[in-house]
Amino acid sequence: MSEVLETGVILSFNEFRVLLYGMGMRSIDGIYMEDEICTDEEVIRALQHMSEQGIIENVENEAFVLNEEIRRMLEIIGNPENTQIYRPGETQDGPEFYCYVTKEHIVVSERYWKKKAALKLRLFSAETFRIWKEQMDDDYRGG
């Protein structure tokens, strides 16, 4: 069996909003988050946390550079060629993933159950996504 290699990140809704807004994106498909306005304090906390986690890097003059893999994920989310909802094993009771698809990569998003108001984003190549889906389907079909 092949091993699936993926790149991923867990972001709070506020962190996700700050990053999308910083990249000029005002709306995306697929991820339901309550409409909220972040306070200045929440934005500062989100920036501090992302800096500590290596998601962003403060370079100079209070400008930030975004981690390359996360930037790629956000660009795909903001401009997918296609989107789809994926339910492993085609079950209605299992998890639900929203997939943002381009020719070369797929970003899979899901609500992160271990942390309130957070998303788990994963970046796959097309081939590793196919393998991951097969493994997930097997797990949920009991195969």
N, C-alpha and C. Protein backbone atom coordinates (compact mmCIF):
# COMPACT_ATOMS: atom_id res chain seq x y z
N MET A 1 0.84 -1.18 0.00
CA MET A 1 0.00 0.00 0.00
C MET A 1 0.89 1.25 0.00
N SER A 2 0.49 2.26 -0.74
CA SER A 2 1.24 3.51 -0.82
C SER A 2 1.02 4.34 0.42
N GLU A 3 2.03 5.10 0.77
CA GLU A 3 1.92 6.03 1.89
C GLU A 3 1.51 7.39 1.35
N VAL A 4 0.55 8.01 2.00
CA VAL A 4 0.06 9.31 1.57
C VAL A 4 0.85 10.40 2.29
N LEU A 5 1.47 11.27 1.53
CA LEU A 5 2.18 12.42 2.09
C LEU A 5 1.35 13.65 1.81
N GLU A 6 1.11 14.41 2.83
CA GLU A 6 0.29 15.60 2.69
C GLU A 6 0.91 16.74 3.46
N THR A 7 0.54 17.93 3.08
CA THR A 7 0.92 19.13 3.81
C THR A 7 -0.36 19.68 4.41
N GLY A 8 -0.33 20.08 5.66
CA GLY A 8 -1.55 20.56 6.27
C GLY A 8 -1.31 21.61 7.33
N VAL A 9 -2.41 22.27 7.69
CA VAL A 9 -2.36 23.30 8.72
C VAL A 9 -3.74 23.38 9.37
N ILE A 10 -3.73 23.74 10.64
CA ILE A 10 -4.98 23.99 11.36
C ILE A 10 -5.02 25.49 11.65
N LEU A 11 -6.09 26.13 11.22
CA LEU A 11 -6.25 27.57 11.41
C LEU A 11 -7.57 27.85 12.12
N SER A 12 -7.54 28.80 13.03
CA SER A 12 -8.80 29.26 13.60
C SER A 12 -9.54 30.04 12.52
N PHE A 13 -10.84 30.20 12.70
CA PHE A 13 -11.60 30.98 11.72
C PHE A 13 -11.03 32.39 11.58
N ASN A 14 -10.64 33.01 12.71
CA ASN A 14 -10.08 34.36 12.64
C ASN A 14 -8.77 34.38 11.86
N GLU A 15 -7.91 33.40 12.08
CA GLU A 15 -6.66 33.34 11.33
C GLU A 15 -6.94 33.18 9.84
N PHE A 16 -7.88 32.29 9.52
CA PHE A 16 -8.26 32.05 8.13
C PHE A 16 -8.79 33.33 7.49
N ARG A 17 -9.66 34.04 8.21
CA ARG A 17 -10.21 35.30 7.69
C ARG A 17 -9.12 36.33 7.45
N VAL A 18 -8.20 36.47 8.40
CA VAL A 18 -7.12 37.45 8.28
C VAL A 18 -6.27 37.14 7.05
N LEU A 19 -5.93 35.86 6.86
CA LEU A 19 -5.10 35.48 5.71
C LEU A 19 -5.83 35.72 4.39
N LEU A 20 -7.10 35.31 4.32
CA LEU A 20 -7.86 35.52 3.08
C LEU A 20 -7.98 37.01 2.77
N TYR A 21 -8.31 37.78 3.78
CA TYR A 21 -8.45 39.23 3.59
C TYR A 21 -7.13 39.84 3.14
N GLY A 22 -6.03 39.39 3.75
CA GLY A 22 -4.72 39.90 3.39
C GLY A 22 -4.33 39.56 1.96
N MET A 23 -4.90 38.48 1.43
CA MET A 23 -4.62 38.09 0.04
C MET A 23 -5.64 38.68 -0.93
N GLY A 24 -6.55 39.52 -0.40
CA GLY A 24 -7.52 40.19 -1.26
C GLY A 24 -8.76 39.37 -1.56
N MET A 25 -8.97 38.27 -0.86
CA MET A 25 -10.16 37.44 -1.09
C MET A 25 -11.24 37.84 -0.10
N ARG A 26 -12.42 38.08 -0.63
CA ARG A 26 -13.53 38.50 0.22
C ARG A 26 -14.57 37.40 0.42
N SER A 27 -14.61 36.42 -0.47
CA SER A 27 -15.54 35.30 -0.30
C SER A 27 -14.98 34.07 -0.99
N ILE A 28 -15.35 32.92 -0.46
CA ILE A 28 -14.94 31.63 -1.03
C ILE A 28 -16.12 30.69 -0.95
N ASP A 29 -16.07 29.63 -1.71
CA ASP A 29 -17.10 28.60 -1.66
C ASP A 29 -16.72 27.52 -0.66
N GLY A 30 -17.74 26.91 -0.08
CA GLY A 30 -17.53 25.66 0.61
C GLY A 30 -17.32 25.66 2.10
N ILE A 31 -16.76 26.69 2.66
CA ILE A 31 -16.48 26.66 4.09
C ILE A 31 -17.47 27.56 4.79
N TYR A 32 -18.29 26.98 5.66
CA TYR A 32 -19.24 27.79 6.39
C TYR A 32 -18.60 28.30 7.67
N MET A 33 -18.54 29.58 7.78
CA MET A 33 -18.09 30.22 9.02
C MET A 33 -19.09 31.32 9.31
N GLU A 34 -19.43 31.46 10.55
CA GLU A 34 -20.32 32.53 10.93
C GLU A 34 -19.70 33.86 10.51
N ASP A 35 -20.54 34.75 9.99
CA ASP A 35 -20.04 36.08 9.63
C ASP A 35 -19.73 36.84 10.90
N GLU A 36 -18.49 37.20 11.04
CA GLU A 36 -18.06 37.96 12.21
C GLU A 36 -17.07 39.02 11.77
N ILE A 37 -17.08 40.09 12.46
CA ILE A 37 -16.07 41.13 12.26
C ILE A 37 -15.02 40.93 13.35
N CYS A 38 -13.78 40.78 12.94
CA CYS A 38 -12.70 40.63 13.91
C CYS A 38 -12.36 41.98 14.53
N THR A 39 -12.19 41.99 15.83
CA THR A 39 -11.74 43.21 16.49
C THR A 39 -10.23 43.36 16.24
N ASP A 40 -9.72 44.54 16.46
CA ASP A 40 -8.28 44.76 16.31
C ASP A 40 -7.49 43.80 17.20
N GLU A 41 -7.98 43.59 18.41
CA GLU A 41 -7.31 42.69 19.36
C GLU A 41 -7.29 41.26 18.82
N GLU A 42 -8.38 40.80 18.23
CA GLU A 42 -8.44 39.44 17.66
C GLU A 42 -7.49 39.30 16.48
N VAL A 43 -7.38 40.33 15.67
CA VAL A 43 -6.46 40.31 14.53
C VAL A 43 -5.02 40.22 15.03
N ILE A 44 -4.69 41.02 16.04
CA ILE A 44 -3.33 41.02 16.60
C ILE A 44 -3.01 39.65 17.20
N ARG A 45 -3.97 39.07 17.95
CA ARG A 45 -3.76 37.73 18.52
C ARG A 45 -3.55 36.70 17.42
N ALA A 46 -4.36 36.79 16.36
CA ALA A 46 -4.24 35.83 15.24
C ALA A 46 -2.87 35.98 14.58
N LEU A 47 -2.43 37.20 14.37
CA LEU A 47 -1.12 37.43 13.75
C LEU A 47 0.01 36.92 14.64
N GLN A 48 -0.10 37.17 15.93
CA GLN A 48 0.93 36.68 16.86
C GLN A 48 1.00 35.16 16.84
N HIS A 49 -0.16 34.50 16.90
CA HIS A 49 -0.19 33.04 16.90
C HIS A 49 0.37 32.48 15.60
N MET A 50 -0.01 33.06 14.46
CA MET A 50 0.48 32.57 13.17
C MET A 50 1.99 32.79 13.05
N SER A 51 2.49 33.88 13.62
CA SER A 51 3.93 34.13 13.61
C SER A 51 4.66 33.09 14.45
N GLU A 52 4.12 32.78 15.63
CA GLU A 52 4.73 31.77 16.50
C GLU A 52 4.73 30.40 15.85
N GLN A 53 3.72 30.10 15.04
CA GLN A 53 3.59 28.79 14.39
C GLN A 53 4.35 28.71 13.07
N GLY A 54 4.94 29.80 12.63
CA GLY A 54 5.68 29.80 11.37
C GLY A 54 4.81 29.93 10.14
N ILE A 55 3.56 30.29 10.33
CA ILE A 55 2.64 30.46 9.21
C ILE A 55 2.94 31.76 8.48
N ILE A 56 3.25 32.78 9.25
CA ILE A 56 3.70 34.06 8.68
C ILE A 56 5.02 34.43 9.31
N GLU A 57 5.75 35.27 8.60
CA GLU A 57 7.03 35.75 9.11
C GLU A 57 7.07 37.26 8.97
N ASN A 58 7.41 37.92 10.06
CA ASN A 58 7.52 39.37 10.04
C ASN A 58 8.87 39.72 9.42
N VAL A 59 8.85 40.42 8.29
CA VAL A 59 10.11 40.73 7.62
C VAL A 59 10.62 42.12 7.95
N GLU A 60 9.87 43.14 7.66
CA GLU A 60 10.26 44.50 8.03
C GLU A 60 9.09 45.43 7.85
N ASN A 61 9.17 46.55 8.51
CA ASN A 61 8.12 47.57 8.41
C ASN A 61 6.73 47.00 8.63
N GLU A 62 6.63 46.08 9.57
CA GLU A 62 5.37 45.44 9.90
C GLU A 62 4.72 44.72 8.72
N ALA A 63 5.50 44.34 7.72
CA ALA A 63 5.01 43.54 6.61
C ALA A 63 5.22 42.07 6.95
N PHE A 64 4.36 41.22 6.44
CA PHE A 64 4.45 39.79 6.72
C PHE A 64 4.60 39.01 5.42
N VAL A 65 5.33 37.91 5.52
CA VAL A 65 5.46 36.98 4.41
C VAL A 65 4.76 35.70 4.84
N LEU A 66 3.94 35.17 3.97
CA LEU A 66 3.16 33.98 4.25
C LEU A 66 3.95 32.73 3.87
N ASN A 67 3.89 31.70 4.70
CA ASN A 67 4.50 30.41 4.40
C ASN A 67 4.05 29.98 3.00
N GLU A 68 4.99 29.50 2.19
CA GLU A 68 4.73 29.19 0.78
C GLU A 68 3.64 28.13 0.58
N GLU A 69 3.67 27.06 1.36
CA GLU A 69 2.66 26.00 1.22
C GLU A 69 1.27 26.52 1.57
N ILE A 70 1.18 27.32 2.61
CA ILE A 70 -0.12 27.86 3.02
C ILE A 70 -0.62 28.86 1.98
N ARG A 71 0.29 29.66 1.44
CA ARG A 71 -0.09 30.59 0.37
C ARG A 71 -0.67 29.82 -0.81
N ARG A 72 -0.01 28.71 -1.18
CA ARG A 72 -0.49 27.89 -2.29
C ARG A 72 -1.89 27.35 -2.00
N MET A 73 -2.11 26.88 -0.77
CA MET A 73 -3.43 26.37 -0.40
C MET A 73 -4.50 27.45 -0.52
N LEU A 74 -4.19 28.63 0.01
CA LEU A 74 -5.17 29.72 -0.03
C LEU A 74 -5.46 30.18 -1.47
N GLU A 75 -4.44 30.17 -2.31
CA GLU A 75 -4.66 30.53 -3.71
C GLU A 75 -5.57 29.53 -4.40
N ILE A 76 -5.38 28.25 -4.10
CA ILE A 76 -6.25 27.21 -4.69
C ILE A 76 -7.67 27.36 -4.16
N ILE A 77 -7.83 27.61 -2.88
CA ILE A 77 -9.15 27.81 -2.29
C ILE A 77 -9.84 29.01 -2.94
N GLY A 78 -9.10 30.06 -3.17
CA GLY A 78 -9.67 31.27 -3.75
C GLY A 78 -9.94 31.19 -5.23
N ASN A 79 -9.25 30.30 -5.93
CA ASN A 79 -9.37 30.19 -7.39
C ASN A 79 -9.35 28.74 -7.86
N PRO A 80 -10.26 27.90 -7.38
CA PRO A 80 -10.22 26.50 -7.82
C PRO A 80 -10.75 26.36 -9.25
N GLU A 81 -10.29 25.33 -9.93
CA GLU A 81 -10.86 25.01 -11.24
C GLU A 81 -12.18 24.28 -11.06
N ASN A 82 -12.31 23.60 -9.92
CA ASN A 82 -13.50 22.83 -9.63
C ASN A 82 -13.59 22.66 -8.12
N THR A 83 -14.78 22.41 -7.61
CA THR A 83 -14.96 22.09 -6.20
C THR A 83 -15.87 20.88 -6.09
N GLN A 84 -15.73 20.18 -4.98
CA GLN A 84 -16.59 19.03 -4.75
C GLN A 84 -16.68 18.75 -3.27
N ILE A 85 -17.78 18.15 -2.88
CA ILE A 85 -17.93 17.67 -1.51
C ILE A 85 -17.62 16.18 -1.54
N TYR A 86 -16.78 15.75 -0.63
CA TYR A 86 -16.39 14.34 -0.58
C TYR A 86 -16.81 13.76 0.76
N ARG A 87 -17.54 12.65 0.69
CA ARG A 87 -17.93 11.89 1.88
C ARG A 87 -17.34 10.49 1.75
N PRO A 88 -16.41 10.11 2.61
CA PRO A 88 -15.77 8.79 2.51
C PRO A 88 -16.80 7.66 2.52
N GLY A 89 -16.60 6.72 1.61
CA GLY A 89 -17.50 5.58 1.53
C GLY A 89 -18.91 5.95 1.14
N GLU A 90 -19.09 7.19 0.70
CA GLU A 90 -20.40 7.71 0.30
C GLU A 90 -21.43 7.56 1.41
N THR A 91 -20.99 7.63 2.65
CA THR A 91 -21.89 7.54 3.79
C THR A 91 -22.43 8.92 4.14
N GLN A 92 -23.62 8.96 4.67
CA GLN A 92 -24.21 10.23 5.09
C GLN A 92 -23.86 10.57 6.53
N ASP A 93 -23.41 9.57 7.31
CA ASP A 93 -23.13 9.78 8.72
C ASP A 93 -21.68 10.14 9.01
N GLY A 94 -20.79 9.94 8.05
CA GLY A 94 -19.37 10.17 8.27
C GLY A 94 -18.98 11.62 8.07
N PRO A 95 -17.70 11.85 8.05
CA PRO A 95 -17.19 13.22 7.87
C PRO A 95 -17.46 13.73 6.45
N GLU A 96 -17.39 15.03 6.34
CA GLU A 96 -17.59 15.69 5.05
C GLU A 96 -16.40 16.61 4.79
N PHE A 97 -15.85 16.51 3.61
CA PHE A 97 -14.69 17.30 3.23
C PHE A 97 -15.07 18.15 2.01
N TYR A 98 -14.64 19.38 2.01
CA TYR A 98 -14.84 20.23 0.85
C TYR A 98 -13.51 20.30 0.12
N CYS A 99 -13.53 19.98 -1.17
CA CYS A 99 -12.31 19.87 -1.95
C CYS A 99 -12.24 20.96 -3.01
N TYR A 100 -11.09 21.59 -3.08
CA TYR A 100 -10.79 22.62 -4.07
C TYR A 100 -9.78 22.03 -5.02
N VAL A 101 -10.15 21.92 -6.28
CA VAL A 101 -9.38 21.12 -7.23
C VAL A 101 -8.75 22.00 -8.32
N THR A 102 -7.45 21.75 -8.57
CA THR A 102 -6.77 22.26 -9.76
C THR A 102 -6.16 21.05 -10.45
N LYS A 103 -5.54 21.25 -11.60
CA LYS A 103 -4.96 20.12 -12.33
C LYS A 103 -3.91 19.39 -11.51
N GLU A 104 -3.11 20.11 -10.77
CA GLU A 104 -1.98 19.50 -10.07
C GLU A 104 -2.20 19.26 -8.58
N HIS A 105 -3.08 20.04 -7.96
CA HIS A 105 -3.24 19.95 -6.50
C HIS A 105 -4.71 19.98 -6.10
N ILE A 106 -4.95 19.42 -4.92
CA ILE A 106 -6.28 19.47 -4.31
C ILE A 106 -6.08 19.92 -2.87
N VAL A 107 -6.87 20.90 -2.46
CA VAL A 107 -6.90 21.31 -1.05
C VAL A 107 -8.18 20.74 -0.46
N VAL A 108 -8.03 20.04 0.65
CA VAL A 108 -9.17 19.44 1.34
C VAL A 108 -9.37 20.21 2.65
N SER A 109 -10.59 20.69 2.85
CA SER A 109 -10.89 21.41 4.09
C SER A 109 -11.93 20.66 4.89
N GLU A 110 -11.80 20.77 6.18
CA GLU A 110 -12.78 20.17 7.09
C GLU A 110 -12.80 20.96 8.39
N ARG A 111 -13.95 20.92 9.05
CA ARG A 111 -14.01 21.52 10.38
C ARG A 111 -13.13 20.67 11.29
N TYR A 112 -12.30 21.34 12.09
CA TYR A 112 -11.41 20.62 12.99
C TYR A 112 -12.11 20.42 14.32
N TRP A 113 -12.41 19.18 14.64
CA TRP A 113 -13.25 18.87 15.78
C TRP A 113 -12.56 19.04 17.13
N LYS A 114 -11.23 19.09 17.16
CA LYS A 114 -10.53 19.21 18.43
C LYS A 114 -10.46 20.65 18.94
N LYS A 115 -10.78 21.59 18.07
CA LYS A 115 -10.66 23.00 18.43
C LYS A 115 -11.88 23.74 17.92
N LYS A 116 -12.51 24.50 18.78
CA LYS A 116 -13.71 25.24 18.40
C LYS A 116 -13.37 26.27 17.32
N ALA A 117 -14.25 26.37 16.33
CA ALA A 117 -14.14 27.37 15.26
C ALA A 117 -12.78 27.31 14.57
N ALA A 118 -12.42 26.11 14.10
CA ALA A 118 -11.14 25.94 13.42
C ALA A 118 -11.32 25.04 12.19
N LEU A 119 -10.41 25.21 11.25
CA LEU A 119 -10.38 24.42 10.02
C LEU A 119 -9.07 23.67 9.92
N LYS A 120 -9.16 22.49 9.33
CA LYS A 120 -7.97 21.75 8.97
C LYS A 120 -7.90 21.79 7.45
N LEU A 121 -6.81 22.30 6.93
CA LEU A 121 -6.59 22.38 5.48
C LEU A 121 -5.44 21.46 5.12
N ARG A 122 -5.63 20.66 4.08
CA ARG A 122 -4.58 19.75 3.63
C ARG A 122 -4.37 19.93 2.13
N LEU A 123 -3.11 19.89 1.73
CA LEU A 123 -2.74 20.04 0.33
C LEU A 123 -2.21 18.70 -0.18
N PHE A 124 -2.80 18.22 -1.27
CA PHE A 124 -2.39 16.97 -1.89
C PHE A 124 -2.01 17.19 -3.34
N SER A 125 -1.10 16.37 -3.83
CA SER A 125 -0.94 16.29 -5.29
C SER A 125 -2.13 15.48 -5.78
N ALA A 126 -2.40 15.50 -7.08
CA ALA A 126 -3.54 14.76 -7.63
C ALA A 126 -3.41 13.27 -7.31
N GLU A 127 -2.20 12.72 -7.43
CA GLU A 127 -2.00 11.29 -7.19
C GLU A 127 -2.18 10.93 -5.71
N THR A 128 -1.60 11.72 -4.80
CA THR A 128 -1.75 11.40 -3.38
C THR A 128 -3.20 11.58 -2.92
N PHE A 129 -3.91 12.52 -3.54
CA PHE A 129 -5.33 12.69 -3.22
C PHE A 129 -6.12 11.43 -3.60
N ARG A 130 -5.83 10.88 -4.77
CA ARG A 130 -6.51 9.66 -5.22
C ARG A 130 -6.26 8.52 -4.22
N ILE A 131 -5.02 8.37 -3.78
CA ILE A 131 -4.66 7.32 -2.82
C ILE A 131 -5.34 7.57 -1.48
N TRP A 132 -5.32 8.82 -1.02
CA TRP A 132 -5.96 9.19 0.25
C TRP A 132 -7.45 8.86 0.21
N LYS A 133 -8.12 9.21 -0.89
CA LYS A 133 -9.55 8.92 -1.03
C LYS A 133 -9.81 7.41 -0.98
N GLU A 134 -8.99 6.64 -1.67
CA GLU A 134 -9.16 5.18 -1.65
C GLU A 134 -9.03 4.64 -0.22
N GLN A 135 -8.04 5.14 0.52
CA GLN A 135 -7.84 4.69 1.89
C GLN A 135 -9.01 5.12 2.79
N MET A 136 -9.49 6.33 2.60
CA MET A 136 -10.63 6.81 3.39
C MET A 136 -11.88 5.99 3.07
N ASP A 137 -12.12 5.74 1.77
CA ASP A 137 -13.28 4.94 1.39
C ASP A 137 -13.21 3.55 2.00
N ASP A 138 -12.02 2.93 1.95
CA ASP A 138 -11.84 1.61 2.55
C ASP A 138 -12.14 1.64 4.05
N ASP A 139 -11.64 2.67 4.73
CA ASP A 139 -11.86 2.79 6.17
C ASP A 139 -13.35 2.90 6.51
N TYR A 140 -14.10 3.67 5.72
CA TYR A 140 -15.49 3.93 6.04
C TYR A 140 -16.44 2.86 5.49
N ARG A 141 -15.97 2.07 4.56
CA ARG A 141 -16.78 0.94 4.08
C ARG A 141 -16.46 -0.33 4.85
N GLY A 142 -15.45 -0.24 5.71
CA GLY A 142 -15.04 -1.39 6.49
C GLY A 142 -14.18 -2.35 5.69
N GLY A 143 -13.51 -1.79 4.64
CA GLY A 143 -12.68 -2.63 3.77
C GLY A 143 -11.31 -2.60 4.19
